[in-house]
C-alpha atoms as a PDB file:
ATOM      1  CA  MET A   1     100.685  77.061 104.420  1.00  0.00           C
ATOM      2  CA  LYS A   2     103.231  76.818 107.079  1.00  0.00           C
ATOM      3  CA  ILE A   3     107.296  76.663 105.290  1.00  0.00           C
ATOM      4  CA  ALA A   4     110.377  76.574 107.530  1.00  0.00           C
ATOM      5  CA  SER A   5     113.973  78.148 106.222  1.00  0.00           C
ATOM      6  CA  ILE A   6     116.901  76.386 107.202  1.00  0.00           C
ATOM      7  CA  GLY A   7     120.249  77.869 107.186  1.00  0.00           C
ATOM      8  CA  LEU A   8     119.640  81.969 107.150  1.00  0.00           C
ATOM      9  CA  GLY A   9     123.506  82.726 105.581  1.00  0.00           C
ATOM     10  CA  ASP A  10     123.963  84.792 102.601  1.00  0.00           C
ATOM     11  CA  ILE A  11     121.992  83.196 100.366  1.00  0.00           C
ATOM     12  CA  ALA A  12     118.583  83.450 102.587  1.00  0.00           C
ATOM     13  CA  GLN A  13     119.083  86.821 103.479  1.00  0.00           C
ATOM     14  CA  LYS A  14     119.501  88.273 100.025  1.00  0.00           C
ATOM     15  CA  ALA A  15     117.147  86.317  97.865  1.00  0.00           C
ATOM     16  CA  TYR A  16     114.426  84.350 100.241  1.00  0.00           C
ATOM     17  CA  LEU A  17     113.827  86.310 103.442  1.00  0.00           C
ATOM     18  CA  PRO A  18     113.092  89.798 101.703  1.00  0.00           C
ATOM     19  CA  LEU A  19     110.724  88.053  99.632  1.00  0.00           C
ATOM     20  CA  MET A  20     108.553  85.668 102.115  1.00  0.00           C
ATOM     21  CA  ALA A  21     108.384  88.420 104.227  1.00  0.00           C
ATOM     22  CA  ASN A  22     105.893  89.886 102.349  1.00  0.00           C
ATOM     23  CA  TRP A  23     104.187  86.581 100.780  1.00  0.00           C
ATOM     24  CA  PRO A  24     100.527  86.388 101.327  1.00  0.00           C
ATOM     25  CA  GLY A  25      99.124  83.735 102.901  1.00  0.00           C
ATOM     26  CA  LEU A  26     102.247  82.630 104.094  1.00  0.00           C
ATOM     27  CA  GLU A  27     103.073  81.003 108.110  1.00  0.00           C
ATOM     28  CA  TRP A  28     106.643  81.234 107.923  1.00  0.00           C
ATOM     29  CA  VAL A  29     109.253  79.203 110.599  1.00  0.00           C
ATOM     30  CA  LEU A  30     112.957  80.769 110.818  1.00  0.00           C
ATOM     31  CA  CYS A  31     115.481  78.003 111.882  1.00  0.00           C
ATOM     32  CA  SER A  32     119.593  77.918 112.577  1.00  0.00           C
ATOM     33  CA  ARG A  33     121.566  76.444 115.513  1.00  0.00           C
ATOM     34  CA  ASP A  34     122.818  80.416 115.639  1.00  0.00           C
ATOM     35  CA  SER A  35     120.371  81.777 118.334  1.00  0.00           C
ATOM     36  CA  ALA A  36     121.506  85.584 118.334  1.00  0.00           C
ATOM     37  CA  LYS A  37     120.931  85.508 113.991  1.00  0.00           C
ATOM     38  CA  ARG A  38     117.808  83.614 114.576  1.00  0.00           C
ATOM     39  CA  ALA A  39     116.270  85.719 117.212  1.00  0.00           C
ATOM     40  CA  ALA A  40     117.732  89.037 115.270  1.00  0.00           C
ATOM     41  CA  LEU A  41     115.979  88.068 112.167  1.00  0.00           C
ATOM     42  CA  ALA A  42     112.776  86.746 113.644  1.00  0.00           C
ATOM     43  CA  THR A  43     112.748  90.469 114.910  1.00  0.00           C
ATOM     44  CA  GLN A  44     113.218  92.174 111.878  1.00  0.00           C
ATOM     45  CA  TYR A  45     111.018  90.031 110.020  1.00  0.00           C
ATOM     46  CA  ARG A  46     108.112  89.655 112.008  1.00  0.00           C
ATOM     47  CA  VAL A  47     108.170  85.835 112.567  1.00  0.00           C
ATOM     48  CA  SER A  48     107.207  84.241 115.904  1.00  0.00           C
ATOM     49  CA  GLU A  49     107.918  80.587 115.528  1.00  0.00           C
ATOM     50  CA  THR A  50     111.854  79.693 115.247  1.00  0.00           C
ATOM     51  CA  ALA A  51     113.602  76.532 115.761  1.00  0.00           C
ATOM     52  CA  SER A  52     117.376  75.126 116.403  1.00  0.00           C
ATOM     53  CA  ASP A  53     117.204  72.007 114.186  1.00  0.00           C
ATOM     54  CA  ILE A  54     115.109  70.476 111.739  1.00  0.00           C
ATOM     55  CA  HIS A  55     113.247  67.864 114.580  1.00  0.00           C
ATOM     56  CA  GLU A  56     111.752  71.205 116.213  1.00  0.00           C
ATOM     57  CA  CYS A  57     110.722  72.792 112.565  1.00  0.00           C
ATOM     58  CA  LEU A  58     109.204  69.503 112.168  1.00  0.00           C
ATOM     59  CA  ALA A  59     107.256  69.376 115.329  1.00  0.00           C
ATOM     60  CA  LEU A  60     106.013  72.586 114.607  1.00  0.00           C
ATOM     61  CA  GLY A  61     103.776  70.751 112.009  1.00  0.00           C
ATOM     62  CA  VAL A  62     105.241  72.726 108.992  1.00  0.00           C
ATOM     63  CA  ASP A  63     103.720  72.393 104.946  1.00  0.00           C
ATOM     64  CA  GLY A  64     107.600  72.303 103.834  1.00  0.00           C
ATOM     65  CA  VAL A  65     111.143  72.478 104.283  1.00  0.00           C
ATOM     66  CA  MET A  66     113.142  74.997 102.444  1.00  0.00           C
ATOM     67  CA  ILE A  67     116.944  74.324 103.057  1.00  0.00           C
ATOM     68  CA  HIS A  68     119.706  76.901 102.304  1.00  0.00           C
ATOM     69  CA  SER A  69     122.497  75.463 104.614  1.00  0.00           C
ATOM     70  CA  ALA A  70     126.078  74.346 103.220  1.00  0.00           C
ATOM     71  CA  THR A  71     125.882  71.759 100.785  1.00  0.00           C
ATOM     72  CA  ASP A  72     127.078  69.101 102.856  1.00  0.00           C
ATOM     73  CA  SER A  73     124.349  69.405 105.437  1.00  0.00           C
ATOM     74  CA  HIS A  74     121.947  68.433 102.537  1.00  0.00           C
ATOM     75  CA  ALA A  75     121.396  65.213 102.615  1.00  0.00           C
ATOM     76  CA  ALA A  76     120.661  64.226 106.198  1.00  0.00           C
ATOM     77  CA  LEU A  77     118.384  67.101 105.999  1.00  0.00           C
ATOM     78  CA  ILE A  78     116.500  66.048 103.092  1.00  0.00           C
ATOM     79  CA  ARG A  79     116.271  62.397 104.031  1.00  0.00           C
ATOM     80  CA  THR A  80     114.750  63.579 107.733  1.00  0.00           C
ATOM     81  CA  CYS A  81     112.101  65.783 105.803  1.00  0.00           C
ATOM     82  CA  LEU A  82     111.153  62.914 103.100  1.00  0.00           C
ATOM     83  CA  GLN A  83     110.976  60.434 105.820  1.00  0.00           C
ATOM     84  CA  ALA A  84     108.862  63.085 108.077  1.00  0.00           C
ATOM     85  CA  GLY A  85     106.462  63.351 104.897  1.00  0.00           C
ATOM     86  CA  VAL A  86     107.047  66.799 104.368  1.00  0.00           C
ATOM     87  CA  PRO A  87     108.067  68.205 101.135  1.00  0.00           C
ATOM     88  CA  VAL A  88     111.704  69.646 100.608  1.00  0.00           C
ATOM     89  CA  PHE A  89     112.855  72.978  98.752  1.00  0.00           C
ATOM     90  CA  VAL A  90     116.722  72.952  98.414  1.00  0.00           C
ATOM     91  CA  ASP A  91     119.202  75.396  96.824  1.00  0.00           C
ATOM     92  CA  LYS A  92     121.570  73.952  94.422  1.00  0.00           C
ATOM     93  CA  PRO A  93     123.466  71.493  94.274  1.00  0.00           C
ATOM     94  CA  VAL A  94     121.144  69.344  95.951  1.00  0.00           C
ATOM     95  CA  ALA A  95     124.069  67.332  97.019  1.00  0.00           C
ATOM     96  CA  PRO A  96     127.918  67.234  96.531  1.00  0.00           C
ATOM     97  CA  SER A  97     127.775  63.985  94.334  1.00  0.00           C
ATOM     98  CA  GLY A  98     125.892  62.673  91.260  1.00  0.00           C
ATOM     99  CA  ALA A  99     124.939  59.264  92.856  1.00  0.00           C
ATOM    100  CA  GLU A 100     123.467  60.771  96.378  1.00  0.00           C
ATOM    101  CA  VAL A 101     121.649  63.024  94.301  1.00  0.00           C
ATOM    102  CA  GLU A 102     120.027  60.252  92.186  1.00  0.00           C
ATOM    103  CA  ALA A 103     119.661  58.215  95.622  1.00  0.00           C
ATOM    104  CA  LEU A 104     117.381  61.261  97.363  1.00  0.00           C
ATOM    105  CA  PHE A 105     115.496  61.551  94.453  1.00  0.00           C
ATOM    106  CA  ASN A 106     114.434  57.951  94.357  1.00  0.00           C
ATOM    107  CA  LEU A 107     113.833  58.373  97.966  1.00  0.00           C
ATOM    108  CA  ALA A 108     111.418  60.795  97.525  1.00  0.00           C
ATOM    109  CA  GLU A 109     109.728  59.022  94.578  1.00  0.00           C
ATOM    110  CA  GLN A 110     109.583  55.809  96.758  1.00  0.00           C
ATOM    111  CA  GLN A 111     108.195  58.434 100.008  1.00  0.00           C
ATOM    112  CA  GLN A 112     105.502  60.224  96.966  1.00  0.00           C
ATOM    113  CA  ILE A 113     106.604  63.237  98.293  1.00  0.00           C
ATOM    114  CA  PRO A 114     108.164  66.318  96.248  1.00  0.00           C
ATOM    115  CA  LEU A 115     111.971  67.475  96.327  1.00  0.00           C
ATOM    116  CA  PHE A 116     112.298  70.615  94.709  1.00  0.00           C
ATOM    117  CA  ALA A 117     116.127  71.769  93.625  1.00  0.00           C
ATOM    118  CA  GLY A 118     116.324  75.576  93.217  1.00  0.00           C
ATOM    119  CA  PHE A 119     117.466  76.392  90.013  1.00  0.00           C
ATOM    120  CA  ASN A 120     116.367  80.439  89.528  1.00  0.00           C
ATOM    121  CA  ARG A 121     118.091  80.514  85.999  1.00  0.00           C
ATOM    122  CA  ARG A 122     115.100  78.543  84.986  1.00  0.00           C
ATOM    123  CA  TYR A 123     112.760  81.385  85.932  1.00  0.00           C
ATOM    124  CA  LEU A 124     114.623  84.753  84.733  1.00  0.00           C
ATOM    125  CA  PRO A 125     111.397  86.853  83.687  1.00  0.00           C
ATOM    126  CA  LEU A 126     113.781  88.286  81.101  1.00  0.00           C
ATOM    127  CA  LEU A 127     114.863  85.149  79.420  1.00  0.00           C
ATOM    128  CA  ASN A 128     111.355  83.311  79.376  1.00  0.00           C
ATOM    129  CA  ILE A 129     109.421  86.533  78.612  1.00  0.00           C
ATOM    130  CA  HIS A 130     111.288  86.363  74.985  1.00  0.00           C
ATOM    131  CA  LEU A 131     112.165  83.231  74.616  1.00  0.00           C
ATOM    132  CA  ASN A 132     110.811  80.463  76.830  1.00  0.00           C
ATOM    133  CA  GLY A 133     107.000  81.962  76.141  1.00  0.00           C
ATOM    134  CA  GLN A 134     107.543  80.589  72.608  1.00  0.00           C
ATOM    135  CA  ARG A 135     110.201  78.505  72.079  1.00  0.00           C
ATOM    136  CA  PRO A 136     112.231  77.010  71.838  1.00  0.00           C
ATOM    137  CA  GLU A 137     109.869  75.488  69.241  1.00  0.00           C
ATOM    138  CA  ASP A 138     107.105  78.269  68.907  1.00  0.00           C
ATOM    139  CA  GLU A 139     103.854  77.831  66.368  1.00  0.00           C
ATOM    140  CA  LEU A 140     106.266  79.205  63.385  1.00  0.00           C
ATOM    141  CA  GLY A 141     107.997  76.327  63.636  1.00  0.00           C
ATOM    142  CA  THR A 142     111.617  78.222  64.649  1.00  0.00           C
ATOM    143  CA  PRO A 143     113.580  75.714  66.273  1.00  0.00           C
ATOM    144  CA  LEU A 144     116.584  76.521  68.731  1.00  0.00           C
ATOM    145  CA  LEU A 145     119.524  76.831  66.918  1.00  0.00           C
ATOM    146  CA  SER A 146     122.150  77.086  69.550  1.00  0.00           C
ATOM    147  CA  LEU A 147     122.003  78.393  73.234  1.00  0.00           C
ATOM    148  CA  ARG A 148     125.849  79.560  74.415  1.00  0.00           C
ATOM    149  CA  TRP A 149     125.642  80.570  78.260  1.00  0.00           C
ATOM    150  CA  GLU A 150     128.999  82.517  80.231  1.00  0.00           C
ATOM    151  CA  LYS A 151     129.122  82.369  83.459  1.00  0.00           C
ATOM    152  CA  HIS A 152     132.752  84.127  84.587  1.00  0.00           C
ATOM    153  CA  ARG A 153     134.505  85.208  87.757  1.00  0.00           C
ATOM    154  CA  HIS A 154     136.843  86.899  88.718  1.00  0.00           C
ATOM    155  CA  ALA A 155     140.669  85.332  90.911  1.00  0.00           C
ATOM    156  CA  LEU A 156     138.668  82.207  91.789  1.00  0.00           C
ATOM    157  CA  PRO A 157     140.389  78.984  90.604  1.00  0.00           C
ATOM    158  CA  ASP A 158     139.075  76.076  92.478  1.00  0.00           C
ATOM    159  CA  ALA A 159     139.348  72.305  93.343  1.00  0.00           C
ATOM    160  CA  PRO A 160     136.981  70.382  90.005  1.00  0.00           C
ATOM    161  CA  ARG A 161     133.982  69.306  92.560  1.00  0.00           C
ATOM    162  CA  ARG A 162     133.815  73.074  94.114  1.00  0.00           C
ATOM    163  CA  PHE A 163     133.929  74.516  90.696  1.00  0.00           C
ATOM    164  CA  VAL A 164     131.796  72.362  88.977  1.00  0.00           C
ATOM    165  CA  PHE A 165     128.567  71.429  91.609  1.00  0.00           C
ATOM    166  CA  ASP A 166     128.549  74.722  93.604  1.00  0.00           C
ATOM    167  CA  ASP A 167     129.142  77.371  90.428  1.00  0.00           C
ATOM    168  CA  PHE A 168     129.463  75.428  87.216  1.00  0.00           C
ATOM    169  CA  ILE A 169     126.329  73.442  87.441  1.00  0.00           C
ATOM    170  CA  HIS A 170     124.109  76.822  87.114  1.00  0.00           C
ATOM    171  CA  PRO A 171     125.481  77.038  83.122  1.00  0.00           C
ATOM    172  CA  LEU A 172     125.447  73.293  82.788  1.00  0.00           C
ATOM    173  CA  ASP A 173     121.635  73.046  84.149  1.00  0.00           C
ATOM    174  CA  SER A 174     120.604  76.073  81.767  1.00  0.00           C
ATOM    175  CA  ILE A 175     121.473  74.579  78.326  1.00  0.00           C
ATOM    176  CA  ASN A 176     120.118  71.088  79.678  1.00  0.00           C
ATOM    177  CA  VAL A 177     116.857  72.525  78.333  1.00  0.00           C
ATOM    178  CA  HIS A 178     115.417  68.766  77.500  1.00  0.00           C
ATOM    179  CA  GLY A 179     117.015  67.064  80.516  1.00  0.00           C
ATOM    180  CA  ASP A 180     119.208  64.352  78.473  1.00  0.00           C
ATOM    181  CA  ILE A 181     122.596  65.506  78.746  1.00  0.00           C
ATOM    182  CA  ASN A 182     125.456  62.532  78.595  1.00  0.00           C
ATOM    183  CA  ILE A 183     128.922  63.111  79.040  1.00  0.00           C
ATOM    184  CA  ASP A 184     129.675  60.490  76.157  1.00  0.00           C
ATOM    185  CA  ASP A 185     128.169  63.117  73.783  1.00  0.00           C
ATOM    186  CA  LEU A 186     130.299  66.146  75.093  1.00  0.00           C
ATOM    187  CA  ASP A 187     133.461  67.970  73.661  1.00  0.00           C
ATOM    188  CA  VAL A 188     135.185  69.193  77.026  1.00  0.00           C
ATOM    189  CA  PHE A 189     137.582  71.673  77.251  1.00  0.00           C
ATOM    190  CA  ALA A 190     139.518  72.211  81.034  1.00  0.00           C
ATOM    191  CA  GLN A 191     141.716  74.412  81.824  1.00  0.00           C
ATOM    192  CA  PHE A 192     144.071  74.804  85.028  1.00  0.00           C
ATOM    193  CA  SER A 193     145.986  76.904  86.879  1.00  0.00           C
ATOM    194  CA  GLU A 194     148.239  75.549  89.727  1.00  0.00           C
ATOM    195  CA  GLY A 195     146.294  72.272  89.956  1.00  0.00           C
ATOM    196  CA  LEU A 196     143.112  74.206  90.139  1.00  0.00           C
ATOM    197  CA  LEU A 197     140.396  74.229  87.702  1.00  0.00           C
ATOM    198  CA  GLY A 198     140.829  77.709  86.502  1.00  0.00           C
ATOM    199  CA  ARG A 199     138.163  77.425  83.311  1.00  0.00           C
ATOM    200  CA  LEU A 200     135.790  75.095  82.060  1.00  0.00           C
ATOM    201  CA  ASP A 201     133.645  74.626  78.508  1.00  0.00           C
ATOM    202  CA  VAL A 202     131.405  72.167  76.963  1.00  0.00           C
ATOM    203  CA  ARG A 203     129.352  72.188  74.493  1.00  0.00           C
ATOM    204  CA  TRP A 204     127.463  69.418  72.110  1.00  0.00           C
ATOM    205  CA  HIS A 205     124.694  69.002  69.760  1.00  0.00           C
ATOM    206  CA  ARG A 206     121.293  67.291  70.044  1.00  0.00           C
ATOM    207  CA  ASP A 207     119.409  67.128  66.635  1.00  0.00           C
ATOM    208  CA  ASN A 208     120.016  69.981  64.980  1.00  0.00           C
ATOM    209  CA  SER A 209     120.733  72.534  67.853  1.00  0.00           C
ATOM    210  CA  LEU A 210     124.007  73.355  69.497  1.00  0.00           C
ATOM    211  CA  PHE A 211     124.578  73.840  73.157  1.00  0.00           C
ATOM    212  CA  GLU A 212     127.091  75.603  74.800  1.00  0.00           C
ATOM    213  CA  ALA A 213     128.270  76.406  79.071  1.00  0.00           C
ATOM    214  CA  SER A 214     131.473  78.186  79.575  1.00  0.00           C
ATOM    215  CA  MET A 215     132.885  79.244  82.765  1.00  0.00           C
ATOM    216  CA  ASN A 216     136.696  81.334  83.006  1.00  0.00           C
ATOM    217  CA  ARG A 217     136.719  81.853  86.869  1.00  0.00           C
ATOM    218  CA  GLN A 218     140.171  83.869  85.858  1.00  0.00           C
ATOM    219  CA  TYR A 219     137.962  86.614  83.883  1.00  0.00           C
ATOM    220  CA  GLY A 220     138.615  89.739  84.134  1.00  0.00           C
ATOM    221  CA  VAL A 221     135.235  91.018  85.835  1.00  0.00           C
ATOM    222  CA  ASN A 222     132.153  88.860  87.361  1.00  0.00           C
ATOM    223  CA  LYS A 223     130.066  88.679  84.634  1.00  0.00           C
ATOM    224  CA  GLU A 224     127.262  86.284  82.563  1.00  0.00           C
ATOM    225  CA  THR A 225     125.726  86.739  79.459  1.00  0.00           C
ATOM    226  CA  ILE A 226     123.390  84.508  77.545  1.00  0.00           C
ATOM    227  CA  ALA A 227     123.323  83.843  73.669  1.00  0.00           C
ATOM    228  CA  ALA A 228     120.463  82.441  71.760  1.00  0.00           C
ATOM    229  CA  ALA A 229     120.029  81.802  67.867  1.00  0.00           C
ATOM    230  CA  TYR A 230     117.325  80.785  65.644  1.00  0.00           C
ATOM    231  CA  ARG A 231     116.576  81.334  61.725  1.00  0.00           C
ATOM    232  CA  ASN A 232     117.444  84.808  60.825  1.00  0.00           C
ATOM    233  CA  GLU A 233     116.684  86.050  64.235  1.00  0.00           C
ATOM    234  CA  CYS A 234     118.703  85.834  67.657  1.00  0.00           C
ATOM    235  CA  TYR A 235     119.043  86.888  71.487  1.00  0.00           C
ATOM    236  CA  PHE A 236     121.869  88.154  73.371  1.00  0.00           C
ATOM    237  CA  PHE A 237     121.467  89.159  77.205  1.00  0.00           C
ATOM    238  CA  ASP A 238     123.758  90.963  79.070  1.00  0.00           C
ATOM    239  CA  GLY A 239     122.870  89.756  82.519  1.00  0.00           C
ATOM    240  CA  PHE A 240     118.912  89.034  83.844  1.00  0.00           C
ATOM    241  CA  THR A 241     118.270  92.663  83.743  1.00  0.00           C
ATOM    242  CA  ARG A 242     118.853  93.775  79.536  1.00  0.00           C
ATOM    243  CA  GLY A 243     119.072  92.491  76.746  1.00  0.00           C
ATOM    244  CA  ALA A 244     118.806  92.833  72.786  1.00  0.00           C
ATOM    245  CA  ARG A 245     116.732  90.715  69.676  1.00  0.00           C
ATOM    246  CA  MET A 246     118.505  90.958  66.493  1.00  0.00           C
ATOM    247  CA  GLN A 247     115.841  90.178  63.510  1.00  0.00           C
ATOM    248  CA  ASP A 248     116.157  91.718  59.871  1.00  0.00           C
ATOM    249  CA  ASN A 249     119.324  93.466  60.817  1.00  0.00           C
ATOM    250  CA  VAL A 250     117.419  95.521  62.924  1.00  0.00           C
ATOM    251  CA  THR A 251     118.235  95.540  67.195  1.00  0.00           C
ATOM    252  CA  THR A 252     115.496  96.046  69.241  1.00  0.00           C
ATOM    253  CA  GLN A 253     116.494  96.668  73.281  1.00  0.00           C
ATOM    254  CA  LEU A 254     115.308  94.285  75.911  1.00  0.00           C
ATOM    255  CA  THR A 255     114.608  95.277  79.586  1.00  0.00           C
ATOM    256  CA  LEU A 256     112.507  94.344  82.530  1.00  0.00           C
ATOM    257  CA  PRO A 257     109.766  97.054  83.743  1.00  0.00           C
ATOM    258  CA  ASP A 258     110.611  99.510  86.180  1.00  0.00           C
ATOM    259  CA  TRP A 259     111.045  98.999  89.495  1.00  0.00           C
ATOM    260  CA  THR A 260     111.518  94.806  89.126  1.00  0.00           C
ATOM    261  CA  GLY A 261     113.054  94.118  91.979  1.00  0.00           C
ATOM    262  CA  MET A 262     116.701  92.388  92.361  1.00  0.00           C
ATOM    263  CA  GLN A 263     115.046  88.871  93.642  1.00  0.00           C
ATOM    264  CA  ALA A 264     112.433  88.746  90.880  1.00  0.00           C
ATOM    265  CA  SER A 265     114.681  89.807  88.267  1.00  0.00           C
ATOM    266  CA  LYS A 266     117.129  86.941  89.011  1.00  0.00           C
ATOM    267  CA  GLY A 267     114.016  84.369  88.900  1.00  0.00           C
ATOM    268  CA  PHE A 268     113.745  83.891  92.751  1.00  0.00           C
ATOM    269  CA  ALA A 269     110.044  85.395  92.789  1.00  0.00           C
ATOM    270  CA  ALA A 270     108.941  83.026  90.328  1.00  0.00           C
ATOM    271  CA  MET A 271     111.056  79.734  91.380  1.00  0.00           C
ATOM    272  CA  LEU A 272     109.360  81.053  94.922  1.00  0.00           C
ATOM    273  CA  SER A 273     105.939  81.000  93.293  1.00  0.00           C
ATOM    274  CA  HIS A 274     106.526  77.513  91.278  1.00  0.00           C
ATOM    275  CA  TRP A 275     107.353  76.101  94.945  1.00  0.00           C
ATOM    276  CA  PHE A 276     104.743  76.762  96.604  1.00  0.00           C
ATOM    277  CA  GLU A 277     102.517  75.558  94.205  1.00  0.00           C
ATOM    278  CA  VAL A 278     104.057  72.066  94.537  1.00  0.00           C
ATOM    279  CA  VAL A 279     103.788  72.135  98.143  1.00  0.00           C
ATOM    280  CA  SER A 280      99.630  72.860  97.724  1.00  0.00           C
ATOM    281  CA  GLU A 281      99.689  70.470  95.000  1.00  0.00           C
ATOM    282  CA  GLY A 282     101.754  67.795  96.898  1.00  0.00           C
ATOM    283  CA  ARG A 283     103.316  66.947  93.213  1.00  0.00           C
ATOM    284  CA  ILE A 284     106.343  67.849  91.400  1.00  0.00           C
ATOM    285  CA  ASP A 285     106.256  67.132  87.187  1.00  0.00           C
ATOM    286  CA  ALA A 286     108.730  64.327  86.529  1.00  0.00           C
ATOM    287  CA  ALA A 287     110.608  65.839  83.570  1.00  0.00           C
ATOM    288  CA  LEU A 288     111.511  68.593  86.443  1.00  0.00           C
ATOM    289  CA  THR A 289     113.059  65.831  88.329  1.00  0.00           C
ATOM    290  CA  ALA A 290     114.929  64.007  85.268  1.00  0.00           C
ATOM    291  CA  ARG A 291     116.542  67.637  84.669  1.00  0.00           C
ATOM    292  CA  ASN A 292     117.467  67.976  87.985  1.00  0.00           C
ATOM    293  CA  VAL A 293     119.192  64.052  88.371  1.00  0.00           C
ATOM    294  CA  SER A 294     120.440  64.706  84.445  1.00  0.00           C
ATOM    295  CA  SER A 295     122.467  67.839  85.401  1.00  0.00           C
ATOM    296  CA  HIS A 296     123.656  66.949  89.104  1.00  0.00           C
ATOM    297  CA  TRP A 297     125.252  63.212  87.022  1.00  0.00           C
ATOM    298  CA  ALA A 298     126.740  65.313  84.101  1.00  0.00           C
ATOM    299  CA  ALA A 299     128.121  67.517  86.853  1.00  0.00           C
ATOM    300  CA  GLU A 300     129.829  64.369  88.516  1.00  0.00           C
ATOM    301  CA  ASP A 301     130.851  63.353  85.178  1.00  0.00           C
ATOM    302  CA  LEU A 302     133.086  66.595  84.752  1.00  0.00           C
ATOM    303  CA  VAL A 303     134.504  66.033  88.113  1.00  0.00           C
ATOM    304  CA  ALA A 304     135.822  62.931  86.691  1.00  0.00           C
ATOM    305  CA  TYR A 305     136.983  63.769  83.889  1.00  0.00           C
ATOM    306  CA  CYS A 306     138.366  67.106  85.134  1.00  0.00           C
ATOM    307  CA  GLU A 307     140.373  65.181  88.067  1.00  0.00           C
ATOM    308  CA  ALA A 308     141.785  62.543  85.589  1.00  0.00           C
ATOM    309  CA  LEU A 309     143.052  65.336  83.461  1.00  0.00           C
ATOM    310  CA  ARG A 310     144.786  67.321  86.274  1.00  0.00           C
ATOM    311  CA  ASP A 311     146.462  64.216  88.127  1.00  0.00           C
ATOM    312  CA  SER A 312     147.398  62.528  84.879  1.00  0.00           C
ATOM    313  CA  PRO A 313     151.265  62.640  84.091  1.00  0.00           C
END
């Protein structure tokens, strides 16, 4: 399998390149317009093939393309790959608007080529071991009663679109577990500071389950927590490497195995494994695509809500 990586910035160097360098059976192409960076990383990771743009990448006969470039460049790169018949992985957000995201997934469906959105929090091993392995409804009949996802940052209020699409979309998608979130069902709280969005909270219920996502970008520290409740049983995760299970008035500490690396603990390893399966099979699950589109449209609707609230007299 030959995979091209386009955009060799911070996220690629921290999360993807170290994993791919040791992935068995993988040929690899590094693509960047920055020739010095491209050459340095090719030397560091012993990559023999490089390219300066998407057209050079495709000419090398790649089986898949991974896009880690700036969000505004995603749509054009995705279209070029899909029209060439090459599967695409793209970091979230797929594009900076709901309409553009839906158009790209429609193109992928027309071309019958997989388009994979990189939401690493769907693949967190600590959560998936203890929640998704038997949840949200396991054989014991213990349905999920509530799920709350908080992702906070320090001193980073921003314009609504950047706030929501670049950051808040993580907790929003993480609680969109059924892939059918609808703005009409949401209770929304937005807090502004000097015209910038400082905090956003959403909540809704589906059947008998409550879902909440919260982001405060004027928090005292960068922090992410997840809480899930079942009947007489609950879980709390302080970050991605430690948590607690509480049942029968007993608290059990939960941790990942020793030596679990950062890329694995943050879900990137499992996500890459899934992506490579998609490339090999040439197809992606329709429910996954529906969730991708749903999360991006919810983000778009929240941007419109927050902008209208900001601009109201």
